[in-house]
Amino acid sequence: GCGFIILLLTGTLLYTTIAGGHDGVS
């Protein structure tokens, strides 16, 4: 459960870091 939340949020942050734009998570 904790791992899923971490991967979901971190994956979104990593994607927007690479692709650019606003991530909405931070």
PDB file of all heavy atoms in Angstrom:
ATOM      1  N   GLY A   1       0.816  -1.211   0.000  1.00  0.00           N
ATOM      2  CA  GLY A   1       0.000   0.000   0.000  1.00  0.00           C
ATOM      3  C   GLY A   1       0.852   1.265   0.000  1.00  0.00           C
ATOM      4  O   GLY A   1       0.645   2.175  -0.804  1.00  0.00           O
ATOM      5  N   CYS A   2       1.834   1.307   0.915  1.00  0.00           N
ATOM      6  CA  CYS A   2       2.753   2.452   0.955  1.00  0.00           C
ATOM      7  C   CYS A   2       3.561   2.546  -0.335  1.00  0.00           C
ATOM      8  O   CYS A   2       3.755   3.634  -0.885  1.00  0.00           O
ATOM      9  CB  CYS A   2       3.690   2.331   2.150  1.00  0.00           C
ATOM     10  SG  CYS A   2       2.899   2.520   3.758  1.00  0.00           S
ATOM     11  N   GLY A   3       4.028   1.384  -0.824  1.00  0.00           N
ATOM     12  CA  GLY A   3       4.817   1.367  -2.049  1.00  0.00           C
ATOM     13  C   GLY A   3       4.046   1.870  -3.247  1.00  0.00           C
ATOM     14  O   GLY A   3       4.585   2.595  -4.095  1.00  0.00           O
ATOM     15  N   PHE A   4       2.763   1.514  -3.328  1.00  0.00           N
ATOM     16  CA  PHE A   4       1.939   1.972  -4.447  1.00  0.00           C
ATOM     17  C   PHE A   4       1.791   3.488  -4.444  1.00  0.00           C
ATOM     18  O   PHE A   4       1.915   4.145  -5.491  1.00  0.00           O
ATOM     19  CB  PHE A   4       0.555   1.314  -4.378  1.00  0.00           C
ATOM     20  CG  PHE A   4      -0.412   1.826  -5.413  1.00  0.00           C
ATOM     21  CD1 PHE A   4      -0.319   1.411  -6.730  1.00  0.00           C
ATOM     22  CD2 PHE A   4      -1.400   2.737  -5.072  1.00  0.00           C
ATOM     23  CE1 PHE A   4      -1.199   1.889  -7.694  1.00  0.00           C
ATOM     24  CE2 PHE A   4      -2.289   3.222  -6.017  1.00  0.00           C
ATOM     25  CZ  PHE A   4      -2.191   2.795  -7.339  1.00  0.00           C
ATOM     26  N   ILE A   5       1.523   4.047  -3.269  1.00  0.00           N
ATOM     27  CA  ILE A   5       1.377   5.510  -3.169  1.00  0.00           C
ATOM     28  C   ILE A   5       2.682   6.203  -3.547  1.00  0.00           C
ATOM     29  O   ILE A   5       2.686   7.197  -4.286  1.00  0.00           O
ATOM     30  CB  ILE A   5       0.938   5.911  -1.749  1.00  0.00           C
ATOM     31  CG1 ILE A   5      -0.448   5.360  -1.443  1.00  0.00           C
ATOM     32  CG2 ILE A   5       0.948   7.434  -1.588  1.00  0.00           C
ATOM     33  CD1 ILE A   5      -0.871   5.507   0.009  1.00  0.00           C
ATOM     34  N   ILE A   6       3.805   5.666  -3.051  1.00  0.00           N
ATOM     35  CA  ILE A   6       5.112   6.253  -3.361  1.00  0.00           C
ATOM     36  C   ILE A   6       5.379   6.217  -4.859  1.00  0.00           C
ATOM     37  O   ILE A   6       5.788   7.215  -5.465  1.00  0.00           O
ATOM     38  CB  ILE A   6       6.227   5.518  -2.599  1.00  0.00           C
ATOM     39  CG1 ILE A   6       6.108   5.770  -1.099  1.00  0.00           C
ATOM     40  CG2 ILE A   6       7.608   5.971  -3.085  1.00  0.00           C
ATOM     41  CD1 ILE A   6       6.994   4.878  -0.254  1.00  0.00           C
ATOM     42  N   LEU A   7       5.143   5.058  -5.485  1.00  0.00           N
ATOM     43  CA  LEU A   7       5.392   4.928  -6.926  1.00  0.00           C
ATOM     44  C   LEU A   7       4.478   5.829  -7.741  1.00  0.00           C
ATOM     45  O   LEU A   7       4.906   6.425  -8.735  1.00  0.00           O
ATOM     46  CB  LEU A   7       5.213   3.473  -7.359  1.00  0.00           C
ATOM     47  CG  LEU A   7       6.366   2.523  -7.043  1.00  0.00           C
ATOM     48  CD1 LEU A   7       6.005   1.107  -7.466  1.00  0.00           C
ATOM     49  CD2 LEU A   7       7.649   2.963  -7.741  1.00  0.00           C
ATOM     50  N   LEU A   8       3.228   5.928  -7.344  1.00  0.00           N
ATOM     51  CA  LEU A   8       2.269   6.764  -8.078  1.00  0.00           C
ATOM     52  C   LEU A   8       2.684   8.231  -8.061  1.00  0.00           C
ATOM     53  O   LEU A   8       2.763   8.887  -9.108  1.00  0.00           O
ATOM     54  CB  LEU A   8       0.872   6.603  -7.470  1.00  0.00           C
ATOM     55  CG  LEU A   8      -0.250   7.417  -8.116  1.00  0.00           C
ATOM     56  CD1 LEU A   8      -0.482   6.955  -9.553  1.00  0.00           C
ATOM     57  CD2 LEU A   8      -1.539   7.293  -7.300  1.00  0.00           C
ATOM     58  N   LEU A   9       2.985   8.745  -6.868  1.00  0.00           N
ATOM     59  CA  LEU A   9       3.343  10.154  -6.748  1.00  0.00           C
ATOM     60  C   LEU A   9       4.730  10.439  -7.320  1.00  0.00           C
ATOM     61  O   LEU A   9       4.935  11.420  -8.043  1.00  0.00           O
ATOM     62  CB  LEU A   9       3.274  10.591  -5.278  1.00  0.00           C
ATOM     63  CG  LEU A   9       1.892  10.502  -4.620  1.00  0.00           C
ATOM     64  CD1 LEU A   9       1.968  10.958  -3.166  1.00  0.00           C
ATOM     65  CD2 LEU A   9       0.878  11.357  -5.373  1.00  0.00           C
ATOM     66  N   THR A  10       5.687   9.561  -7.007  1.00  0.00           N
ATOM     67  CA  THR A  10       7.053   9.768  -7.486  1.00  0.00           C
ATOM     68  C   THR A  10       7.137   9.610  -8.999  1.00  0.00           C
ATOM     69  O   THR A  10       7.863  10.352  -9.669  1.00  0.00           O
ATOM     70  CB  THR A  10       8.017   8.784  -6.806  1.00  0.00           C
ATOM     71  OG1 THR A  10       7.890   8.900  -5.388  1.00  0.00           O
ATOM     72  CG2 THR A  10       9.459   9.079  -7.201  1.00  0.00           C
ATOM     73  N   GLY A  11       6.398   8.651  -9.542  1.00  0.00           N
ATOM     74  CA  GLY A  11       6.374   8.464 -10.992  1.00  0.00           C
ATOM     75  C   GLY A  11       5.861   9.704 -11.710  1.00  0.00           C
ATOM     76  O   GLY A  11       6.405  10.113 -12.747  1.00  0.00           O
ATOM     77  N   THR A  12       4.824  10.329 -11.155  1.00  0.00           N
ATOM     78  CA  THR A  12       4.292  11.561 -11.734  1.00  0.00           C
ATOM     79  C   THR A  12       5.323  12.683 -11.680  1.00  0.00           C
ATOM     80  O   THR A  12       5.521  13.423 -12.656  1.00  0.00           O
ATOM     81  CB  THR A  12       3.014  11.995 -10.988  1.00  0.00           C
ATOM     82  OG1 THR A  12       2.057  10.935 -11.028  1.00  0.00           O
ATOM     83  CG2 THR A  12       2.414  13.240 -11.614  1.00  0.00           C
ATOM     84  N   LEU A  13       6.005  12.800 -10.543  1.00  0.00           N
ATOM     85  CA  LEU A  13       7.026  13.837 -10.386  1.00  0.00           C
ATOM     86  C   LEU A  13       8.187  13.618 -11.345  1.00  0.00           C
ATOM     87  O   LEU A  13       8.685  14.564 -11.967  1.00  0.00           O
ATOM     88  CB  LEU A  13       7.529  13.845  -8.943  1.00  0.00           C
ATOM     89  CG  LEU A  13       6.548  14.359  -7.881  1.00  0.00           C
ATOM     90  CD1 LEU A  13       7.003  13.953  -6.489  1.00  0.00           C
ATOM     91  CD2 LEU A  13       6.395  15.864  -7.979  1.00  0.00           C
ATOM     92  N   LEU A  14       8.636  12.368 -11.489  1.00  0.00           N
ATOM     93  CA  LEU A  14       9.740  12.069 -12.405  1.00  0.00           C
ATOM     94  C   LEU A  14       9.356  12.347 -13.852  1.00  0.00           C
ATOM     95  O   LEU A  14      10.148  12.887 -14.628  1.00  0.00           O
ATOM     96  CB  LEU A  14      10.166  10.613 -12.254  1.00  0.00           C
ATOM     97  CG  LEU A  14      11.186  10.296 -11.162  1.00  0.00           C
ATOM     98  CD1 LEU A  14      11.371   8.794 -11.025  1.00  0.00           C
ATOM     99  CD2 LEU A  14      12.525  10.979 -11.456  1.00  0.00           C
ATOM    100  N   TYR A  15       8.131  11.976 -14.208  1.00  0.00           N
ATOM    101  CA  TYR A  15       7.679  12.187 -15.582  1.00  0.00           C
ATOM    102  C   TYR A  15       7.668  13.677 -15.944  1.00  0.00           C
ATOM    103  O   TYR A  15       8.164  14.078 -17.002  1.00  0.00           O
ATOM    104  CB  TYR A  15       6.286  11.598 -15.785  1.00  0.00           C
ATOM    105  CG  TYR A  15       5.706  11.914 -17.148  1.00  0.00           C
ATOM    106  CD1 TYR A  15       6.111  11.207 -18.274  1.00  0.00           C
ATOM    107  CD2 TYR A  15       4.773  12.937 -17.309  1.00  0.00           C
ATOM    108  CE1 TYR A  15       5.598  11.507 -19.530  1.00  0.00           C
ATOM    109  CE2 TYR A  15       4.251  13.243 -18.550  1.00  0.00           C
ATOM    110  CZ  TYR A  15       4.673  12.524 -19.657  1.00  0.00           C
ATOM    111  OH  TYR A  15       4.163  12.836 -20.898  1.00  0.00           O
ATOM    112  N   THR A  16       7.115  14.494 -15.048  1.00  0.00           N
ATOM    113  CA  THR A  16       7.044  15.926 -15.349  1.00  0.00           C
ATOM    114  C   THR A  16       8.426  16.578 -15.281  1.00  0.00           C
ATOM    115  O   THR A  16       8.665  17.580 -15.948  1.00  0.00           O
ATOM    116  CB  THR A  16       6.091  16.637 -14.382  1.00  0.00           C
ATOM    117  OG1 THR A  16       6.439  16.312 -13.034  1.00  0.00           O
ATOM    118  CG2 THR A  16       4.668  16.240 -14.637  1.00  0.00           C
ATOM    119  N   THR A  17       9.335  16.011 -14.489  1.00  0.00           N
ATOM    120  CA  THR A  17      10.704  16.517 -14.467  1.00  0.00           C
ATOM    121  C   THR A  17      11.369  16.287 -15.821  1.00  0.00           C
ATOM    122  O   THR A  17      12.094  17.154 -16.336  1.00  0.00           O
ATOM    123  CB  THR A  17      11.535  15.819 -13.368  1.00  0.00           C
ATOM    124  OG1 THR A  17      10.953  16.107 -12.093  1.00  0.00           O
ATOM    125  CG2 THR A  17      12.979  16.306 -13.374  1.00  0.00           C
ATOM    126  N   ILE A  18      11.120  15.122 -16.415  1.00  0.00           N
ATOM    127  CA  ILE A  18      11.710  14.797 -17.717  1.00  0.00           C
ATOM    128  C   ILE A  18      10.981  15.507 -18.850  1.00  0.00           C
ATOM    129  O   ILE A  18      11.608  16.098 -19.743  1.00  0.00           O
ATOM    130  CB  ILE A  18      11.685  13.269 -17.944  1.00  0.00           C
ATOM    131  CG1 ILE A  18      12.557  12.562 -16.898  1.00  0.00           C
ATOM    132  CG2 ILE A  18      12.161  12.918 -19.359  1.00  0.00           C
ATOM    133  CD1 ILE A  18      12.392  11.057 -16.870  1.00  0.00           C
ATOM    134  N   ALA A  19       9.642  15.466 -18.817  1.00  0.00           N
ATOM    135  CA  ALA A  19       8.840  16.005 -19.924  1.00  0.00           C
ATOM    136  C   ALA A  19       8.618  17.505 -19.812  1.00  0.00           C
ATOM    137  O   ALA A  19       8.316  18.174 -20.806  1.00  0.00           O
ATOM    138  CB  ALA A  19       7.498  15.277 -19.990  1.00  0.00           C
ATOM    139  N   GLY A  20       8.750  18.028 -18.587  1.00  0.00           N
ATOM    140  CA  GLY A  20       8.488  19.444 -18.368  1.00  0.00           C
ATOM    141  C   GLY A  20       7.022  19.678 -18.023  1.00  0.00           C
ATOM    142  O   GLY A  20       6.170  18.796 -18.155  1.00  0.00           O
ATOM    143  N   GLY A  21       6.724  20.878 -17.572  1.00  0.00           N
ATOM    144  CA  GLY A  21       5.355  21.226 -17.228  1.00  0.00           C
ATOM    145  C   GLY A  21       5.094  21.108 -15.740  1.00  0.00           C
ATOM    146  O   GLY A  21       5.979  20.781 -14.946  1.00  0.00           O
ATOM    147  N   HIS A  22       3.835  21.350 -15.356  1.00  0.00           N
ATOM    148  CA  HIS A  22       3.442  21.324 -13.951  1.00  0.00           C
ATOM    149  C   HIS A  22       2.967  19.924 -13.592  1.00  0.00           C
ATOM    150  O   HIS A  22       2.161  19.326 -14.309  1.00  0.00           O
ATOM    151  CB  HIS A  22       2.334  22.344 -13.695  1.00  0.00           C
ATOM    152  CG  HIS A  22       1.856  22.384 -12.284  1.00  0.00           C
ATOM    153  ND1 HIS A  22       2.672  22.753 -11.233  1.00  0.00           N
ATOM    154  CD2 HIS A  22       0.649  22.083 -11.743  1.00  0.00           C
ATOM    155  CE1 HIS A  22       1.988  22.698 -10.111  1.00  0.00           C
ATOM    156  NE2 HIS A  22       0.754  22.297 -10.388  1.00  0.00           N
ATOM    157  N   ASP A  23       3.451  19.386 -12.475  1.00  0.00           N
ATOM    158  CA  ASP A  23       3.123  18.011 -12.123  1.00  0.00           C
ATOM    159  C   ASP A  23       1.811  17.876 -11.354  1.00  0.00           C
ATOM    160  O   ASP A  23       1.164  16.845 -11.403  1.00  0.00           O
ATOM    161  CB  ASP A  23       4.254  17.390 -11.287  1.00  0.00           C
ATOM    162  CG  ASP A  23       4.611  18.231 -10.079  1.00  0.00           C
ATOM    163  OD1 ASP A  23       3.800  18.327  -9.156  1.00  0.00           O
ATOM    164  OD2 ASP A  23       5.727  18.782 -10.056  1.00  0.00           O
ATOM    165  N   GLY A  24       1.389  18.912 -10.642  1.00  0.00           N
ATOM    166  CA  GLY A  24       0.160  18.841  -9.875  1.00  0.00           C
ATOM    167  C   GLY A  24       0.306  18.136  -8.543  1.00  0.00           C
ATOM    168  O   GLY A  24      -0.554  18.245  -7.668  1.00  0.00           O
ATOM    169  N   VAL A  25       1.402  17.390  -8.363  1.00  0.00           N
ATOM    170  CA  VAL A  25       1.619  16.636  -7.131  1.00  0.00           C
ATOM    171  C   VAL A  25       2.299  17.501  -6.081  1.00  0.00           C
ATOM    172  O   VAL A  25       1.927  17.473  -4.902  1.00  0.00           O
ATOM    173  CB  VAL A  25       2.470  15.373  -7.412  1.00  0.00           C
ATOM    174  CG1 VAL A  25       2.845  14.679  -6.104  1.00  0.00           C
ATOM    175  CG2 VAL A  25       1.713  14.428  -8.326  1.00  0.00           C
ATOM    176  N   SER A  26       3.303  18.274  -6.505  1.00  0.00           N
ATOM    177  CA  SER A  26       4.075  19.072  -5.551  1.00  0.00           C
ATOM    178  C   SER A  26       3.234  20.149  -4.869  1.00  0.00           C
ATOM    179  O   SER A  26       3.615  20.659  -3.812  1.00  0.00           O
ATOM    180  CB  SER A  26       5.282  19.713  -6.248  1.00  0.00           C
ATOM    181  OG  SER A  26       4.880  20.439  -7.382  1.00  0.00           O
TER     182      SER A  26
END
